[in-house]
Amino acid sequence: MKKYLAVVASLLVLTGCATSGTSQAEESFIAGSGAVTTIKAGSRAQAPELKGMTLSGKEYAFTGGKVAVVNVWASWCSPCRAEEPTLSALSEKYPEVAFIGILTRDNPVNAEAFARSRQIPYPTIIDDSLLIGFSKSLPANAIPTTLVIDRNGGVAARISGVVTVASLSKLIEDVSKE
């Protein structure tokens, strides 16, 4: 019971922070079921180095030079589970974009089983300390959070909450045109 209450309390804290942004925000609105925040190209902070051990036990390092979609998730998170088919489909629709997961507050064994059963086509890094690197741009302060990184490594946008095909496709296409 105590464990359940701790999880509920944590989720309430995260939900309360879900729509906060930075003063550099160009545009904030609700698209689908997640709040979308974008940052102008000249005002973007650099994303942290995205590297580490993946759920499949391999080392991964994003080398940059292309647009990336970074999804922060956990296997116990119902909205994360609900948005997974959308992320997998978009990773196949946009093969020129790097899709990367970051596992947070989860058991890697459970997450790996979930990823394997769903055949998630992109890597998930098991190191939620990477999230600290987003604190000076668009922090990943909700689960799920999806960030879009531009070709130069700048944090271009964030969706706090569940992504939709429309919201994430628009961000990918806008950032890819830059």
Protein backbone atom coordinates (compact mmCIF):
# COMPACT_ATOMS: atom_id res chain seq x y z
CA MET A 1 0.00 0.00 0.00
CA LYS A 2 2.83 2.40 0.88
CA LYS A 3 4.50 1.66 -2.45
CA TYR A 4 1.23 2.39 -4.29
CA LEU A 5 0.79 5.70 -2.46
CA ALA A 6 4.39 6.70 -3.25
CA VAL A 7 3.82 6.05 -6.95
CA VAL A 8 0.54 8.00 -6.94
CA ALA A 9 2.18 10.91 -5.10
CA SER A 10 5.07 10.94 -7.59
CA LEU A 11 2.68 10.99 -10.53
CA LEU A 12 0.71 13.86 -9.02
CA VAL A 13 3.89 15.89 -8.60
CA LEU A 14 4.93 15.17 -12.18
CA THR A 15 1.48 16.00 -13.53
CA GLY A 16 1.49 19.30 -11.71
CA CYS A 17 4.67 20.29 -13.54
CA ALA A 18 3.67 18.99 -16.95
CA THR A 19 3.05 22.30 -18.69
CA SER A 20 5.93 24.42 -17.36
CA GLY A 21 8.33 25.79 -19.95
CA THR A 22 11.02 28.38 -20.36
CA SER A 23 10.89 32.06 -21.19
CA GLN A 24 12.37 31.26 -24.61
CA ALA A 25 9.18 29.49 -25.73
CA GLU A 26 7.99 30.62 -29.12
CA GLU A 27 4.66 28.86 -28.99
CA SER A 28 2.71 26.76 -26.50
CA PHE A 29 -0.57 25.03 -27.21
CA ILE A 30 -2.48 21.84 -26.68
CA ALA A 31 -2.27 19.49 -29.67
CA GLY A 32 -4.05 16.19 -29.28
CA SER A 33 -3.46 15.07 -25.74
CA GLY A 34 -0.10 16.68 -24.97
CA ALA A 35 1.10 20.23 -24.39
CA VAL A 36 3.51 21.24 -27.16
CA THR A 37 6.27 23.81 -26.62
CA THR A 38 8.68 24.98 -29.33
CA ILE A 39 11.84 27.08 -29.18
CA LYS A 40 13.10 29.39 -31.94
CA ALA A 41 16.23 28.15 -33.71
CA GLY A 42 18.49 30.92 -32.37
CA SER A 43 17.37 30.43 -28.75
CA ARG A 44 17.82 26.68 -28.36
CA ALA A 45 19.98 25.13 -25.67
CA GLN A 46 22.10 22.12 -26.57
CA ALA A 47 20.75 18.69 -25.77
CA PRO A 48 22.88 16.50 -23.51
CA GLU A 49 25.08 13.81 -24.99
CA LEU A 50 22.78 10.85 -25.56
CA LYS A 51 24.70 7.69 -24.92
CA GLY A 52 24.61 4.68 -22.66
CA MET A 53 23.56 1.07 -22.26
CA THR A 54 20.33 0.10 -24.01
CA LEU A 55 17.60 -2.30 -22.98
CA SER A 56 19.11 -4.83 -25.40
CA GLY A 57 22.45 -4.65 -23.56
CA LYS A 58 24.33 -2.72 -26.26
CA GLU A 59 26.15 0.57 -25.96
CA TYR A 60 24.47 3.36 -27.94
CA ALA A 61 25.65 6.86 -28.76
CA PHE A 62 23.71 9.39 -30.80
CA THR A 63 26.27 11.05 -33.03
CA GLY A 64 24.11 13.98 -34.10
CA GLY A 65 23.93 15.64 -37.48
CA LYS A 66 20.27 14.75 -37.93
CA VAL A 67 16.93 15.41 -36.29
CA ALA A 68 16.23 13.21 -33.27
CA VAL A 69 13.08 12.35 -31.33
CA VAL A 70 13.77 11.47 -27.70
CA ASN A 71 10.96 9.78 -25.78
CA VAL A 72 11.09 9.52 -21.98
CA TRP A 73 9.02 6.56 -20.82
CA ALA A 74 8.45 3.73 -18.37
CA SER A 75 6.81 0.37 -18.95
CA TRP A 76 4.44 0.83 -15.99
CA CYS A 77 3.15 4.13 -17.39
CA SER A 78 -0.23 3.69 -19.11
CA PRO A 79 0.10 6.78 -21.34
CA CYS A 80 3.59 5.59 -22.37
CA ARG A 81 2.19 2.22 -23.32
CA ALA A 82 -0.63 3.90 -25.24
CA GLU A 83 1.67 6.13 -27.30
CA GLU A 84 4.19 3.41 -28.20
CA PRO A 85 2.46 2.32 -31.45
CA THR A 86 2.48 5.95 -32.65
CA LEU A 87 6.20 6.35 -31.91
CA SER A 88 7.08 3.05 -33.60
CA ALA A 89 5.02 3.93 -36.68
CA LEU A 90 6.56 7.39 -36.94
CA SER A 91 10.07 5.96 -36.55
CA GLU A 92 9.35 3.90 -39.65
CA LYS A 93 7.69 6.80 -41.50
CA TYR A 94 10.71 9.06 -40.83
CA PRO A 95 13.77 6.77 -41.24
CA GLU A 96 16.03 9.83 -41.58
CA VAL A 97 15.16 10.83 -37.99
CA ALA A 98 16.84 9.15 -35.02
CA PHE A 99 14.30 7.87 -32.48
CA ILE A 100 15.74 7.26 -29.02
CA GLY A 101 14.03 6.20 -25.81
CA ILE A 102 15.17 7.08 -22.31
CA LEU A 103 13.87 4.77 -19.60
CA THR A 104 13.00 6.48 -16.35
CA ARG A 105 12.06 5.09 -12.93
CA ASP A 106 11.51 1.59 -14.20
CA ASN A 107 12.87 -1.91 -13.87
CA PRO A 108 14.99 -2.58 -17.00
CA VAL A 109 13.86 -6.23 -17.08
CA ASN A 110 10.19 -5.21 -17.27
CA ALA A 111 10.93 -2.48 -19.80
CA GLU A 112 12.98 -4.84 -21.97
CA ALA A 113 10.16 -7.39 -21.98
CA PHE A 114 7.71 -4.66 -22.98
CA ALA A 115 10.01 -3.36 -25.75
CA ARG A 116 10.63 -6.88 -27.04
CA SER A 117 6.94 -7.84 -27.04
CA ARG A 118 6.03 -4.63 -28.89
CA GLN A 119 9.06 -4.93 -31.20
CA ILE A 120 10.03 -1.31 -30.60
CA PRO A 121 12.35 -0.51 -33.53
CA TYR A 122 14.58 2.07 -31.84
CA PRO A 123 16.98 1.93 -28.87
CA THR A 124 16.10 2.87 -25.31
CA ILE A 125 18.91 4.05 -23.05
CA ILE A 126 18.78 2.91 -19.41
CA ASP A 127 20.06 6.10 -17.78
CA ASP A 128 17.51 8.58 -16.56
CA SER A 129 20.35 10.83 -15.31
CA LEU A 130 20.45 12.00 -18.95
CA LEU A 131 17.28 13.95 -18.16
CA ILE A 132 19.28 16.40 -16.04
CA GLY A 133 20.91 17.58 -19.28
CA PHE A 134 17.56 18.90 -20.51
CA SER A 135 16.97 21.06 -17.41
CA LYS A 136 18.29 24.26 -19.04
CA SER A 137 16.11 23.89 -22.13
CA LEU A 138 12.81 22.03 -22.08
CA PRO A 139 12.93 19.70 -19.08
CA ALA A 140 11.38 16.27 -19.28
CA ASN A 141 9.15 16.89 -16.29
CA ALA A 142 6.31 14.49 -17.07
CA ILE A 143 6.00 10.88 -18.12
CA PRO A 144 5.80 10.54 -21.04
CA THR A 145 7.74 13.45 -22.49
CA THR A 146 8.97 13.59 -26.06
CA LEU A 147 11.68 16.01 -27.17
CA VAL A 148 12.71 16.93 -30.69
CA ILE A 149 16.38 17.75 -31.25
CA ASP A 150 17.49 19.71 -34.34
CA ARG A 151 20.40 18.80 -36.64
CA ASN A 152 22.72 21.06 -34.64
CA GLY A 153 21.90 19.38 -31.33
CA GLY A 154 19.55 22.09 -30.06
CA VAL A 155 16.40 21.21 -28.16
CA ALA A 156 13.69 22.41 -30.56
CA ALA A 157 10.45 21.18 -29.02
CA ARG A 158 8.76 19.17 -26.29
CA ILE A 159 5.48 17.32 -26.01
CA SER A 160 4.51 16.82 -22.37
CA GLY A 161 2.15 13.90 -22.34
CA VAL A 162 1.03 11.46 -24.99
CA VAL A 163 2.16 12.20 -28.56
CA THR A 164 -0.25 12.06 -31.44
CA VAL A 165 0.60 11.36 -35.06
CA ALA A 166 -0.41 14.93 -35.94
CA SER A 167 1.52 16.71 -33.18
CA LEU A 168 4.78 14.79 -33.54
CA SER A 169 4.68 14.68 -37.36
CA LYS A 170 4.30 18.46 -37.48
CA LEU A 171 7.26 18.99 -35.15
CA ILE A 172 9.46 16.53 -37.07
CA GLU A 173 8.58 18.13 -40.40
CA ASP A 174 9.04 21.71 -39.12
CA VAL A 175 12.43 20.97 -37.54
CA SER A 176 13.55 18.90 -40.56
CA LYS A 177 12.88 21.87 -42.89
CA GLU A 178 15.27 24.13 -40.95
